[in-house]
Full PDB file with SEQRES, HELIX, SHEET, SSBOND, CRYST1, ORIGX, SCALE, CONECT and MASTER records, all heavy atoms in Angstrom:
SEQRES   1 A   32  GLU GLN GLU ALA TYR GLU ALA ASP GLY GLY ALA ARG VAL          
SEQRES   2 A   32  VAL ILE LEU ASP ALA GLY ARG ALA THR LEU GLU LEU ALA          
SEQRES   3 A   32  ASN PRO ALA GLN THR ARG                                      
HELIX    1 AA1 ASP A    8  GLY A   10  5                                   3    
HELIX    2 AA2 PRO A   28  THR A   31  1                                   4    
SHEET    1 AA1 2 GLU A   3  ALA A   7  0                                        
SHEET    2 AA1 2 ALA A  11  ILE A  15 -1                                        
CRYST1    1.000    1.000    1.000  90.00  90.00  90.00 P 1           1          
ORIGX1      1.000000  0.000000  0.000000        0.00000                         
ORIGX2      0.000000  1.000000  0.000000        0.00000                         
ORIGX3      0.000000  0.000000  1.000000        0.00000                         
SCALE1      1.000000  0.000000  0.000000        0.00000                         
SCALE2      0.000000  1.000000  0.000000        0.00000                         
SCALE3      0.000000  0.000000  1.000000        0.00000                         
ATOM      1  N   GLU A   1      -0.057  24.942  -1.704  1.00  0.00           N  
ATOM      2  CA  GLU A   1       1.203  24.527  -1.102  1.00  0.00           C  
ATOM      3  C   GLU A   1       1.426  25.310   0.182  1.00  0.00           C  
ATOM      4  O   GLU A   1       1.399  26.539   0.183  1.00  0.00           O  
ATOM      5  CB  GLU A   1       2.338  24.796  -2.091  1.00  0.00           C  
ATOM      6  CG  GLU A   1       3.615  24.108  -1.759  1.00  0.00           C  
ATOM      7  CD  GLU A   1       4.638  24.200  -2.874  1.00  0.00           C  
ATOM      8  OE1 GLU A   1       4.327  23.736  -4.006  1.00  0.00           O  
ATOM      9  OE2 GLU A   1       5.725  24.741  -2.613  1.00  0.00           O  
ATOM     10  N   GLN A   2       1.622  24.608   1.271  1.00  0.00           N  
ATOM     11  CA  GLN A   2       1.817  25.220   2.579  1.00  0.00           C  
ATOM     12  C   GLN A   2       3.302  25.332   2.915  1.00  0.00           C  
ATOM     13  O   GLN A   2       3.763  26.347   3.411  1.00  0.00           O  
ATOM     14  CB  GLN A   2       1.088  24.385   3.637  1.00  0.00           C  
ATOM     15  CG  GLN A   2       1.145  24.922   5.042  1.00  0.00           C  
ATOM     16  CD  GLN A   2       0.332  24.045   5.982  1.00  0.00           C  
ATOM     17  OE1 GLN A   2      -0.841  23.780   5.721  1.00  0.00           O  
ATOM     18  NE2 GLN A   2       0.938  23.591   7.032  1.00  0.00           N  
ATOM     19  N   GLU A   3       4.040  24.258   2.640  1.00  0.00           N  
ATOM     20  CA  GLU A   3       5.484  24.212   2.892  1.00  0.00           C  
ATOM     21  C   GLU A   3       6.104  23.272   1.870  1.00  0.00           C  
ATOM     22  O   GLU A   3       5.439  22.376   1.355  1.00  0.00           O  
ATOM     23  CB  GLU A   3       5.792  23.659   4.296  1.00  0.00           C  
ATOM     24  CG  GLU A   3       5.214  24.464   5.441  1.00  0.00           C  
ATOM     25  CD  GLU A   3       5.442  23.776   6.787  1.00  0.00           C  
ATOM     26  OE1 GLU A   3       6.608  23.413   7.072  1.00  0.00           O  
ATOM     27  OE2 GLU A   3       4.457  23.589   7.514  1.00  0.00           O  
ATOM     28  N   ALA A   4       7.416  23.483   1.596  1.00  0.00           N  
ATOM     29  CA  ALA A   4       8.134  22.588   0.702  1.00  0.00           C  
ATOM     30  C   ALA A   4       9.598  22.565   1.125  1.00  0.00           C  
ATOM     31  O   ALA A   4      10.145  23.602   1.528  1.00  0.00           O  
ATOM     32  CB  ALA A   4       8.007  23.057  -0.746  1.00  0.00           C  
ATOM     33  N   TYR A   5      10.199  21.391   1.048  1.00  0.00           N  
ATOM     34  CA  TYR A   5      11.593  21.225   1.463  1.00  0.00           C  
ATOM     35  C   TYR A   5      12.311  20.287   0.512  1.00  0.00           C  
ATOM     36  O   TYR A   5      11.723  19.337   0.009  1.00  0.00           O  
ATOM     37  CB  TYR A   5      11.679  20.654   2.887  1.00  0.00           C  
ATOM     38  CG  TYR A   5      10.930  21.471   3.907  1.00  0.00           C  
ATOM     39  CD1 TYR A   5       9.665  21.091   4.325  1.00  0.00           C  
ATOM     40  CD2 TYR A   5      11.495  22.630   4.441  1.00  0.00           C  
ATOM     41  CE1 TYR A   5       8.959  21.849   5.252  1.00  0.00           C  
ATOM     42  CE2 TYR A   5      10.800  23.394   5.363  1.00  0.00           C  
ATOM     43  CZ  TYR A   5       9.544  23.007   5.773  1.00  0.00           C  
ATOM     44  OH  TYR A   5       8.850  23.759   6.683  1.00  0.00           O  
ATOM     45  N   GLU A   6      13.592  20.557   0.295  1.00  0.00           N  
ATOM     46  CA  GLU A   6      14.461  19.661  -0.459  1.00  0.00           C  
ATOM     47  C   GLU A   6      15.700  19.414   0.378  1.00  0.00           C  
ATOM     48  O   GLU A   6      16.151  20.298   1.091  1.00  0.00           O  
ATOM     49  CB  GLU A   6      14.850  20.290  -1.803  1.00  0.00           C  
ATOM     50  CG  GLU A   6      13.681  20.408  -2.751  1.00  0.00           C  
ATOM     51  CD  GLU A   6      14.097  20.837  -4.151  1.00  0.00           C  
ATOM     52  OE1 GLU A   6      15.148  20.349  -4.636  1.00  0.00           O  
ATOM     53  OE2 GLU A   6      13.375  21.643  -4.737  1.00  0.00           O  
ATOM     54  N   ALA A   7      16.244  18.217   0.266  1.00  0.00           N  
ATOM     55  CA  ALA A   7      17.445  17.855   1.020  1.00  0.00           C  
ATOM     56  C   ALA A   7      18.430  17.170   0.086  1.00  0.00           C  
ATOM     57  O   ALA A   7      18.101  16.819  -1.053  1.00  0.00           O  
ATOM     58  CB  ALA A   7      17.078  16.925   2.184  1.00  0.00           C  
ATOM     59  N   ASP A   8      19.620  16.951   0.580  1.00  0.00           N  
ATOM     60  CA  ASP A   8      20.642  16.263  -0.207  1.00  0.00           C  
ATOM     61  C   ASP A   8      20.117  14.901  -0.642  1.00  0.00           C  
ATOM     62  O   ASP A   8      19.290  14.295   0.024  1.00  0.00           O  
ATOM     63  CB  ASP A   8      21.915  16.078   0.636  1.00  0.00           C  
ATOM     64  CG  ASP A   8      22.592  17.406   0.941  1.00  0.00           C  
ATOM     65  OD1 ASP A   8      22.333  18.390   0.210  1.00  0.00           O  
ATOM     66  OD2 ASP A   8      23.368  17.462   1.914  1.00  0.00           O  
ATOM     67  N   GLY A   9      20.611  14.449  -1.778  1.00  0.00           N  
ATOM     68  CA  GLY A   9      20.219  13.135  -2.278  1.00  0.00           C  
ATOM     69  C   GLY A   9      18.893  13.141  -3.019  1.00  0.00           C  
ATOM     70  O   GLY A   9      18.336  12.095  -3.311  1.00  0.00           O  
ATOM     71  N   GLY A  10      18.352  14.314  -3.302  1.00  0.00           N  
ATOM     72  CA  GLY A  10      17.100  14.413  -4.053  1.00  0.00           C  
ATOM     73  C   GLY A  10      15.843  14.264  -3.217  1.00  0.00           C  
ATOM     74  O   GLY A  10      14.758  14.144  -3.771  1.00  0.00           O  
ATOM     75  N   ALA A  11      15.955  14.277  -1.905  1.00  0.00           N  
ATOM     76  CA  ALA A  11      14.774  14.133  -1.044  1.00  0.00           C  
ATOM     77  C   ALA A  11      13.910  15.385  -1.158  1.00  0.00           C  
ATOM     78  O   ALA A  11      14.419  16.510  -1.054  1.00  0.00           O  
ATOM     79  CB  ALA A  11      15.198  13.915   0.403  1.00  0.00           C  
ATOM     80  N   ARG A  12      12.616  15.194  -1.390  1.00  0.00           N  
ATOM     81  CA  ARG A  12      11.672  16.312  -1.506  1.00  0.00           C  
ATOM     82  C   ARG A  12      10.388  16.003  -0.765  1.00  0.00           C  
ATOM     83  O   ARG A  12       9.919  14.873  -0.746  1.00  0.00           O  
ATOM     84  CB  ARG A  12      11.307  16.573  -2.972  1.00  0.00           C  
ATOM     85  CG  ARG A  12      12.368  17.218  -3.786  1.00  0.00           C  
ATOM     86  CD  ARG A  12      11.893  17.493  -5.200  1.00  0.00           C  
ATOM     87  NE  ARG A  12      10.823  18.472  -5.226  1.00  0.00           N  
ATOM     88  CZ  ARG A  12      10.048  18.685  -6.293  1.00  0.00           C  
ATOM     89  NH1 ARG A  12      10.210  17.986  -7.394  1.00  0.00           N  
ATOM     90  NH2 ARG A  12       9.095  19.594  -6.256  1.00  0.00           N  
ATOM     91  N   VAL A  13       9.813  17.049  -0.229  1.00  0.00           N  
ATOM     92  CA  VAL A  13       8.496  16.941   0.387  1.00  0.00           C  
ATOM     93  C   VAL A  13       7.758  18.252   0.138  1.00  0.00           C  
ATOM     94  O   VAL A  13       8.355  19.325   0.166  1.00  0.00           O  
ATOM     95  CB  VAL A  13       8.568  16.624   1.901  1.00  0.00           C  
ATOM     96  CG1 VAL A  13       9.206  17.762   2.684  1.00  0.00           C  
ATOM     97  CG2 VAL A  13       7.179  16.310   2.461  1.00  0.00           C  
ATOM     98  N   VAL A  14       6.486  18.153  -0.139  1.00  0.00           N  
ATOM     99  CA  VAL A  14       5.606  19.312  -0.243  1.00  0.00           C  
ATOM    100  C   VAL A  14       4.407  19.024   0.628  1.00  0.00           C  
ATOM    101  O   VAL A  14       3.795  17.946   0.551  1.00  0.00           O  
ATOM    102  CB  VAL A  14       5.159  19.576  -1.704  1.00  0.00           C  
ATOM    103  CG1 VAL A  14       4.143  20.707  -1.759  1.00  0.00           C  
ATOM    104  CG2 VAL A  14       6.357  19.901  -2.580  1.00  0.00           C  
ATOM    105  N   ILE A  15       4.062  19.982   1.487  1.00  0.00           N  
ATOM    106  CA  ILE A  15       2.907  19.842   2.375  1.00  0.00           C  
ATOM    107  C   ILE A  15       1.798  20.707   1.793  1.00  0.00           C  
ATOM    108  O   ILE A  15       1.962  21.919   1.615  1.00  0.00           O  
ATOM    109  CB  ILE A  15       3.264  20.257   3.807  1.00  0.00           C  
ATOM    110  CG1 ILE A  15       4.388  19.352   4.331  1.00  0.00           C  
ATOM    111  CG2 ILE A  15       2.035  20.208   4.712  1.00  0.00           C  
ATOM    112  CD1 ILE A  15       5.052  19.844   5.592  1.00  0.00           C  
ATOM    113  N   LEU A  16       0.683  20.076   1.473  1.00  0.00           N  
ATOM    114  CA  LEU A  16      -0.457  20.767   0.860  1.00  0.00           C  
ATOM    115  C   LEU A  16      -1.545  20.992   1.903  1.00  0.00           C  
ATOM    116  O   LEU A  16      -1.821  20.122   2.722  1.00  0.00           O  
ATOM    117  CB  LEU A  16      -1.005  19.939  -0.304  1.00  0.00           C  
ATOM    118  CG  LEU A  16      -0.001  19.611  -1.415  1.00  0.00           C  
ATOM    119  CD1 LEU A  16      -0.636  18.709  -2.455  1.00  0.00           C  
ATOM    120  CD2 LEU A  16       0.521  20.884  -2.058  1.00  0.00           C  
ATOM    121  N   ASP A  17      -2.162  22.151   1.835  1.00  0.00           N  
ATOM    122  CA  ASP A  17      -3.224  22.514   2.762  1.00  0.00           C  
ATOM    123  C   ASP A  17      -4.532  21.879   2.303  1.00  0.00           C  
ATOM    124  O   ASP A  17      -5.022  22.167   1.218  1.00  0.00           O  
ATOM    125  CB  ASP A  17      -3.368  24.031   2.826  1.00  0.00           C  
ATOM    126  CG  ASP A  17      -4.398  24.503   3.842  1.00  0.00           C  
ATOM    127  OD1 ASP A  17      -5.110  23.653   4.433  1.00  0.00           O  
ATOM    128  OD2 ASP A  17      -4.502  25.721   4.038  1.00  0.00           O  
ATOM    129  N   ALA A  18      -5.082  21.017   3.141  1.00  0.00           N  
ATOM    130  CA  ALA A  18      -6.326  20.329   2.806  1.00  0.00           C  
ATOM    131  C   ALA A  18      -7.508  20.889   3.586  1.00  0.00           C  
ATOM    132  O   ALA A  18      -8.559  20.261   3.651  1.00  0.00           O  
ATOM    133  CB  ALA A  18      -6.189  18.838   3.096  1.00  0.00           C  
ATOM    134  N   GLY A  19      -7.363  22.057   4.189  1.00  0.00           N  
ATOM    135  CA  GLY A  19      -8.463  22.590   4.983  1.00  0.00           C  
ATOM    136  C   GLY A  19      -8.590  21.823   6.275  1.00  0.00           C  
ATOM    137  O   GLY A  19      -7.610  21.359   6.839  1.00  0.00           O  
ATOM    138  N   ARG A  20      -9.784  21.671   6.744  1.00  0.00           N  
ATOM    139  CA  ARG A  20     -10.050  20.959   7.994  1.00  0.00           C  
ATOM    140  C   ARG A  20      -9.861  19.464   7.795  1.00  0.00           C  
ATOM    141  O   ARG A  20     -10.304  18.901   6.795  1.00  0.00           O  
ATOM    142  CB  ARG A  20     -11.498  21.246   8.409  1.00  0.00           C  
ATOM    143  CG  ARG A  20     -11.891  20.595   9.691  1.00  0.00           C  
ATOM    144  CD  ARG A  20     -13.303  21.059  10.086  1.00  0.00           C  
ATOM    145  NE  ARG A  20     -13.838  20.096  11.004  1.00  0.00           N  
ATOM    146  CZ  ARG A  20     -14.837  19.271  10.725  1.00  0.00           C  
ATOM    147  NH1 ARG A  20     -15.419  19.303   9.557  1.00  0.00           N  
ATOM    148  NH2 ARG A  20     -15.255  18.411  11.616  1.00  0.00           N  
ATOM    149  N   ALA A  21      -9.216  18.808   8.715  1.00  0.00           N  
ATOM    150  CA  ALA A  21      -8.998  17.362   8.636  1.00  0.00           C  
ATOM    151  C   ALA A  21      -9.762  16.651   9.744  1.00  0.00           C  
ATOM    152  O   ALA A  21      -9.894  17.163  10.848  1.00  0.00           O  
ATOM    153  CB  ALA A  21      -7.506  17.047   8.774  1.00  0.00           C  
ATOM    154  N   THR A  22     -10.285  15.489   9.413  1.00  0.00           N  
ATOM    155  CA  THR A  22     -10.924  14.631  10.404  1.00  0.00           C  
ATOM    156  C   THR A  22     -10.416  13.209  10.183  1.00  0.00           C  
ATOM    157  O   THR A  22      -9.933  12.880   9.102  1.00  0.00           O  
ATOM    158  CB  THR A  22     -12.464  14.644  10.281  1.00  0.00           C  
ATOM    159  OG1 THR A  22     -12.837  14.199   8.982  1.00  0.00           O  
ATOM    160  CG2 THR A  22     -13.023  16.030  10.544  1.00  0.00           C  
ATOM    161  N   LEU A  23     -10.514  12.399  11.184  1.00  0.00           N  
ATOM    162  CA  LEU A  23     -10.201  10.979  11.068  1.00  0.00           C  
ATOM    163  C   LEU A  23     -11.514  10.229  11.224  1.00  0.00           C  
ATOM    164  O   LEU A  23     -12.148  10.282  12.273  1.00  0.00           O  
ATOM    165  CB  LEU A  23      -9.204  10.554  12.152  1.00  0.00           C  
ATOM    166  CG  LEU A  23      -8.832   9.076  12.188  1.00  0.00           C  
ATOM    167  CD1 LEU A  23      -8.159   8.666  10.879  1.00  0.00           C  
ATOM    168  CD2 LEU A  23      -7.939   8.790  13.373  1.00  0.00           C  
ATOM    169  N   GLU A  24     -11.935   9.574  10.154  1.00  0.00           N  
ATOM    170  CA  GLU A  24     -13.197   8.835  10.168  1.00  0.00           C  
ATOM    171  C   GLU A  24     -12.889   7.355  10.335  1.00  0.00           C  
ATOM    172  O   GLU A  24     -12.271   6.741   9.464  1.00  0.00           O  
ATOM    173  CB  GLU A  24     -13.934   9.076   8.845  1.00  0.00           C  
ATOM    174  CG  GLU A  24     -15.254   8.356   8.737  1.00  0.00           C  
ATOM    175  CD  GLU A  24     -15.997   8.708   7.448  1.00  0.00           C  
ATOM    176  OE1 GLU A  24     -15.936   9.866   7.012  1.00  0.00           O  
ATOM    177  OE2 GLU A  24     -16.637   7.801   6.902  1.00  0.00           O  
ATOM    178  N   LEU A  25     -13.286   6.797  11.453  1.00  0.00           N  
ATOM    179  CA  LEU A  25     -13.102   5.373  11.694  1.00  0.00           C  
ATOM    180  C   LEU A  25     -14.417   4.666  11.393  1.00  0.00           C  
ATOM    181  O   LEU A  25     -15.469   5.078  11.875  1.00  0.00           O  
ATOM    182  CB  LEU A  25     -12.700   5.138  13.152  1.00  0.00           C  
ATOM    183  CG  LEU A  25     -11.419   5.816  13.612  1.00  0.00           C  
ATOM    184  CD1 LEU A  25     -11.203   5.607  15.102  1.00  0.00           C  
ATOM    185  CD2 LEU A  25     -10.225   5.308  12.812  1.00  0.00           C  
ATOM    186  N   ALA A  26     -14.347   3.622  10.582  1.00  0.00           N  
ATOM    187  CA  ALA A  26     -15.559   2.904  10.186  1.00  0.00           C  
ATOM    188  C   ALA A  26     -15.308   1.412  10.321  1.00  0.00           C  
ATOM    189  O   ALA A  26     -14.233   0.926   9.974  1.00  0.00           O  
ATOM    190  CB  ALA A  26     -15.932   3.252   8.741  1.00  0.00           C  
ATOM    191  N   ASN A  27     -16.324   0.689  10.789  1.00  0.00           N  
ATOM    192  CA  ASN A  27     -16.175  -0.768  10.857  1.00  0.00           C  
ATOM    193  C   ASN A  27     -16.425  -1.369   9.467  1.00  0.00           C  
ATOM    194  O   ASN A  27     -16.892  -0.668   8.556  1.00  0.00           O  
ATOM    195  CB  ASN A  27     -17.066  -1.367  11.956  1.00  0.00           C  
ATOM    196  CG  ASN A  27     -18.543  -1.320  11.627  1.00  0.00           C  
ATOM    197  OD1 ASN A  27     -18.960  -0.972  10.533  1.00  0.00           O  
ATOM    198  ND2 ASN A  27     -19.347  -1.682  12.616  1.00  0.00           N  
ATOM    199  N   PRO A  28     -16.104  -2.639   9.261  1.00  0.00           N  
ATOM    200  CA  PRO A  28     -16.257  -3.251   7.930  1.00  0.00           C  
ATOM    201  C   PRO A  28     -17.676  -3.163   7.369  1.00  0.00           C  
ATOM    202  O   PRO A  28     -17.846  -2.962   6.164  1.00  0.00           O  
ATOM    203  CB  PRO A  28     -15.829  -4.702   8.157  1.00  0.00           C  
ATOM    204  CG  PRO A  28     -14.841  -4.631   9.283  1.00  0.00           C  
ATOM    205  CD  PRO A  28     -15.402  -3.552  10.195  1.00  0.00           C  
ATOM    206  N   ALA A  29     -18.683  -3.291   8.213  1.00  0.00           N  
ATOM    207  CA  ALA A  29     -20.069  -3.193   7.726  1.00  0.00           C  
ATOM    208  C   ALA A  29     -20.337  -1.794   7.160  1.00  0.00           C  
ATOM    209  O   ALA A  29     -21.025  -1.648   6.142  1.00  0.00           O  
ATOM    210  CB  ALA A  29     -21.052  -3.523   8.844  1.00  0.00           C  
ATOM    211  N   GLN A  30     -19.820  -0.772   7.806  1.00  0.00           N  
ATOM    212  CA  GLN A  30     -20.005   0.604   7.328  1.00  0.00           C  
ATOM    213  C   GLN A  30     -19.300   0.823   5.995  1.00  0.00           C  
ATOM    214  O   GLN A  30     -19.870   1.400   5.074  1.00  0.00           O  
ATOM    215  CB  GLN A  30     -19.489   1.603   8.376  1.00  0.00           C  
ATOM    216  CG  GLN A  30     -19.491   3.050   7.920  1.00  0.00           C  
ATOM    217  CD  GLN A  30     -20.871   3.661   7.789  1.00  0.00           C  
ATOM    218  OE1 GLN A  30     -21.866   3.093   8.230  1.00  0.00           O  
ATOM    219  NE2 GLN A  30     -20.933   4.821   7.170  1.00  0.00           N  
ATOM    220  N   THR A  31     -18.058   0.364   5.864  1.00  0.00           N  
ATOM    221  CA  THR A  31     -17.347   0.576   4.602  1.00  0.00           C  
ATOM    222  C   THR A  31     -18.014  -0.174   3.458  1.00  0.00           C  
ATOM    223  O   THR A  31     -18.086   0.337   2.341  1.00  0.00           O  
ATOM    224  CB  THR A  31     -15.856   0.195   4.700  1.00  0.00           C  
ATOM    225  OG1 THR A  31     -15.728  -1.156   5.093  1.00  0.00           O  
ATOM    226  CG2 THR A  31     -15.125   1.087   5.685  1.00  0.00           C  
ATOM    227  N   ARG A  32     -18.546  -1.367   3.734  1.00  0.00           N  
ATOM    228  CA  ARG A  32     -19.290  -2.110   2.696  1.00  0.00           C  
ATOM    229  C   ARG A  32     -20.548  -1.339   2.302  1.00  0.00           C  
ATOM    230  O   ARG A  32     -20.880  -1.234   1.120  1.00  0.00           O  
ATOM    231  CB  ARG A  32     -19.662  -3.504   3.189  1.00  0.00           C  
ATOM    232  CG  ARG A  32     -18.512  -4.503   3.127  1.00  0.00           C  
ATOM    233  CD  ARG A  32     -18.985  -5.938   3.384  1.00  0.00           C  
ATOM    234  NE  ARG A  32     -19.683  -6.110   4.649  1.00  0.00           N  
ATOM    235  CZ  ARG A  32     -19.073  -6.348   5.824  1.00  0.00           C  
ATOM    236  NH1 ARG A  32     -17.761  -6.468   5.877  1.00  0.00           N  
ATOM    237  NH2 ARG A  32     -19.777  -6.493   6.918  1.00  0.00           N  
TER     238      ARG A  32                                                      
MASTER        0    0    0    2    2    0    0    6  237    1    0    3          
END                                                                             
């Protein structure tokens, strides 16, 4: 857990540390 917040009305969020992040873009042939 990196951060966590609560707000009125029951709103909650927790930010989890996933290490290094990348965005992998793949065309349909690659995903198949």
